[in-house]
Each structure stands twice: as C-alpha cells, then as structure tokens.
Amino acid sequence: QVQLVESGGGLVQAGGSLRLSCAASGSIFSINIMGWYRQAPGKQRELVAFITNGSIINYVDSVRGRFTISRDNANTVYLQMNSLKPEDTAVYYCNAVLVTRLAYWGQGTQVTVSS
C-alpha cells in the first residue's frame, strides 16, 4: 500500500505561481510512475503531468511550458506551476502507479486562480 499526501494548493492571481508537493509513504519502492491529475467543477479528471522511474516526463498540452514536474527522491514529487491561468482552477490530485499497476490517489488540493 501507498499513502499520498498533497500540499501547496491555494489562491493565486492569474500570472502567479504555486508549487504542489506530494509525499508518498508505505511501499514507495514499488512505485513506477507518479503524476498529477486535476478535476475542475463539472469536468472529468484529466492527467496534467507524469514522471516515471526512468525519468520519462510528459505534460498535457495545455500546461506544457508553464508547469514542471520533478521528483527529488523515492517518495516526493512536485508540480511547479507558473503563469497560472483561471482555467487552471481545479482540485489537483497526486497519483502513484506501482509496478503491479495498482494505482493510489491523494486526497486532493484546491488550486484557485483568480482573473
């Protein structure tokens, strides 16, 4: 089992920055991929960015060039969000996928970007 705890959300003006953190605990050495998803009101949850154990990184087109995902050790992943837009407003969820393909989710952190 893996437990994920997010932090760093909040309210920011358009053009501002936030940094999200996700700390994993438990069977962290079984984690293969860590990523960030978001869900805006009335919309489906979407993948924002992910990073694999082999340091393969990818982003959804809408955040490419503005957001940066990083992983500093076996159990913490970050999402640096710059040039935020009102359409980035959502609950952001940390996700971990194990080598067994089991997936775990954090509780979510609210990001609100005002215009």
Protein backbone atom coordinates (compact mmCIF):
# COMPACT_ATOMS: atom_id res chain seq x y z
CA GLN A 1 0.00 0.00 0.00
CA VAL A 2 0.99 3.59 -0.67
CA GLN A 3 -0.25 6.72 1.07
CA LEU A 4 -0.06 10.08 -0.72
CA VAL A 5 -0.33 13.47 0.95
CA GLU A 6 -0.51 16.63 -1.15
CA SER A 7 0.21 20.17 -0.07
CA GLY A 8 0.78 23.58 -1.63
CA GLY A 9 -2.56 24.49 -3.13
CA GLY A 10 -4.18 27.86 -2.61
CA LEU A 11 -5.48 31.03 -4.18
CA VAL A 12 -3.32 32.98 -6.61
CA GLN A 13 -3.86 35.71 -9.18
CA ALA A 14 -3.54 34.99 -12.86
CA GLY A 15 0.10 35.01 -13.88
CA GLY A 16 1.22 33.84 -10.49
CA SER A 17 2.90 30.64 -9.36
CA LEU A 18 2.27 27.78 -6.98
CA ARG A 19 4.24 24.69 -6.11
CA LEU A 20 2.45 21.48 -5.22
CA SER A 21 4.13 18.70 -3.26
CA CYS A 22 3.16 15.08 -2.85
CA ALA A 23 4.83 12.91 -0.24
CA ALA A 24 4.45 9.17 -0.58
CA SER A 25 4.82 6.64 2.21
CA GLY A 26 4.43 2.91 2.51
CA SER A 27 5.63 0.68 -0.33
CA ILE A 28 7.41 3.53 -2.08
CA PHE A 29 9.97 1.31 -3.77
CA SER A 30 7.15 -0.33 -5.71
CA ILE A 31 6.18 2.98 -7.31
CA ASN A 32 6.77 3.09 -11.06
CA ILE A 33 5.06 6.32 -12.09
CA MET A 34 3.98 9.40 -10.19
CA GLY A 35 1.79 12.06 -11.61
CA TRP A 36 -0.63 14.89 -11.12
CA TYR A 37 -4.23 14.97 -12.25
CA ARG A 38 -6.80 17.73 -11.90
CA GLN A 39 -10.56 17.98 -11.89
CA ALA A 40 -12.42 21.20 -12.46
CA PRO A 41 -16.10 21.56 -11.48
CA GLY A 42 -18.32 19.78 -13.97
CA LYS A 43 -15.40 18.29 -15.84
CA GLN A 44 -13.68 14.93 -15.96
CA ARG A 45 -10.44 14.32 -14.15
CA GLU A 46 -7.52 14.86 -16.52
CA LEU A 47 -3.86 13.94 -16.45
CA VAL A 48 -1.66 17.02 -16.06
CA ALA A 49 1.83 15.55 -15.93
CA PHE A 50 3.68 12.38 -15.02
CA ILE A 51 7.21 11.21 -14.34
CA THR A 52 8.44 7.64 -14.45
CA ASN A 53 11.24 5.89 -12.60
CA GLY A 54 13.22 6.19 -15.82
CA SER A 55 12.69 9.96 -15.70
CA ILE A 56 10.36 9.99 -18.67
CA ILE A 57 8.19 13.09 -18.34
CA ASN A 58 5.13 14.23 -20.20
CA TYR A 59 2.57 17.01 -19.92
CA VAL A 60 -0.89 17.74 -21.19
CA ASP A 61 -0.60 20.32 -23.97
CA SER A 62 -2.45 23.00 -22.02
CA VAL A 63 0.27 23.20 -19.36
CA ARG A 64 3.38 22.43 -21.38
CA GLY A 65 5.94 25.20 -20.95
CA ARG A 66 4.24 26.52 -17.82
CA PHE A 67 4.28 23.56 -15.43
CA THR A 68 7.26 21.45 -14.37
CA ILE A 69 7.06 18.07 -12.67
CA SER A 70 10.02 16.79 -10.69
CA ARG A 71 10.85 14.06 -8.27
CA ASP A 72 13.66 14.61 -5.79
CA ASN A 73 13.93 11.15 -4.26
CA ALA A 74 11.98 7.94 -3.98
CA ASN A 75 8.96 9.45 -2.29
CA THR A 76 8.31 13.10 -3.16
CA VAL A 77 7.02 14.60 -6.38
CA TYR A 78 6.47 18.28 -7.11
CA LEU A 79 4.49 20.29 -9.60
CA GLN A 80 5.81 23.80 -10.17
CA MET A 81 3.06 25.83 -11.78
CA ASN A 82 3.96 29.15 -13.38
CA SER A 83 1.97 31.65 -15.44
CA LEU A 84 -1.22 30.31 -13.94
CA LYS A 85 -4.50 30.95 -15.73
CA PRO A 86 -8.07 30.94 -14.42
CA GLU A 87 -8.67 27.76 -16.42
CA ASP A 88 -6.07 26.01 -14.26
CA THR A 89 -8.51 26.24 -11.35
CA ALA A 90 -9.24 22.71 -10.16
CA VAL A 91 -8.64 20.18 -7.43
CA TYR A 92 -5.22 18.67 -8.08
CA TYR A 93 -4.64 15.03 -7.19
CA CYS A 94 -1.37 13.18 -6.80
CA ASN A 95 -1.29 9.70 -8.30
CA ALA A 96 1.12 6.80 -7.92
CA VAL A 97 1.15 3.67 -10.05
CA LEU A 98 3.02 0.65 -8.77
CA VAL A 99 4.93 -1.89 -10.83
CA THR A 100 1.93 -4.15 -10.17
CA ARG A 101 -0.23 -1.49 -11.93
CA LEU A 102 -2.15 -0.76 -8.74
CA ALA A 103 -2.90 2.95 -8.51
CA TYR A 104 -3.21 5.17 -5.47
CA TRP A 105 -4.57 8.69 -5.05
CA GLY A 106 -4.03 11.55 -2.68
CA GLN A 107 -6.88 13.46 -1.10
CA GLY A 108 -6.55 16.42 -3.47
CA THR A 109 -5.57 20.04 -3.02
CA GLN A 110 -7.53 23.01 -4.32
CA VAL A 111 -5.89 25.45 -6.72
CA THR A 112 -7.84 28.60 -7.49
CA VAL A 113 -6.60 31.17 -9.99
CA SER A 114 -8.40 34.50 -9.98
CA SER A 115 -8.57 36.73 -13.04
